[in-house]
């Protein structure tokens, strides 16, 4: 299961970066609706992955 979460987190990261690289409306501080959705998905999955890793590192 952790690998599945990691894979989803990495896919979301790639999707966000690809969108950001090609979208003329997105900036570092302001995102278009699609860019915002992709960023929120990435951030949510990243938080979930990192929170799952913390207990394992102690």
Protein backbone atom coordinates (compact mmCIF):
# COMPACT_ATOMS: atom_id res chain seq x y z
CA UNK A 1 0.00 0.00 0.00
CA UNK A 2 2.73 2.61 0.75
CA UNK A 3 4.16 2.09 -2.74
CA UNK A 4 0.71 2.71 -4.21
CA UNK A 5 0.46 5.99 -2.28
CA UNK A 6 3.99 6.91 -3.31
CA UNK A 7 3.22 6.16 -6.96
CA UNK A 8 0.07 8.28 -6.87
CA UNK A 9 1.99 11.10 -5.19
CA UNK A 10 4.67 10.96 -7.90
CA UNK A 11 2.10 10.87 -10.72
CA UNK A 12 0.36 13.91 -9.21
CA UNK A 13 3.68 15.71 -8.93
CA UNK A 14 4.49 15.01 -12.57
CA UNK A 15 1.04 16.13 -13.73
CA UNK A 16 1.33 19.37 -11.76
CA UNK A 17 4.84 20.12 -13.06
CA UNK A 18 3.88 19.39 -16.66
CA UNK A 19 0.82 21.60 -16.44
CA UNK A 20 2.77 24.42 -14.78
CA UNK A 21 5.44 24.24 -17.48
CA UNK A 22 2.94 24.68 -20.31
CA UNK A 23 0.14 26.81 -18.85
CA UNK A 24 0.47 30.50 -19.61
CA UNK A 25 -2.05 31.44 -16.91
CA UNK A 26 -0.22 29.74 -14.02
CA UNK A 27 2.53 31.49 -12.08
CA UNK A 28 4.35 30.60 -8.87
CA UNK A 29 1.78 32.52 -6.83
CA UNK A 30 -1.40 32.19 -8.90
CA UNK A 31 -2.86 29.14 -10.63
CA UNK A 32 -5.62 28.59 -13.17
CA UNK A 33 -8.50 26.33 -12.00
CA UNK A 34 -6.90 23.23 -13.54
CA UNK A 35 -3.50 24.11 -12.11
CA UNK A 36 -5.03 24.67 -8.67
CA UNK A 37 -6.79 21.30 -8.81
CA UNK A 38 -3.56 19.54 -9.82
CA UNK A 39 -1.56 21.34 -7.13
CA UNK A 40 -4.10 20.50 -4.42
CA UNK A 41 -4.11 16.84 -5.46
CA UNK A 42 -0.31 16.76 -5.37
CA UNK A 43 -0.14 18.51 -1.99
CA UNK A 44 -2.79 16.24 -0.45
CA UNK A 45 -1.03 13.08 -1.63
CA UNK A 46 2.37 14.39 -0.57
CA UNK A 47 1.06 15.18 2.92
CA UNK A 48 -0.51 11.72 3.19
CA UNK A 49 2.69 10.03 2.07
CA UNK A 50 4.92 12.04 4.41
CA UNK A 51 2.55 11.52 7.35
CA UNK A 52 2.65 7.78 6.72
CA UNK A 53 6.48 7.86 6.65
CA UNK A 54 6.92 9.73 9.96
CA UNK A 55 5.99 6.84 12.30
CA UNK A 56 8.32 4.53 10.38
CA UNK A 57 11.31 6.85 10.88
CA UNK A 58 11.09 7.01 14.69
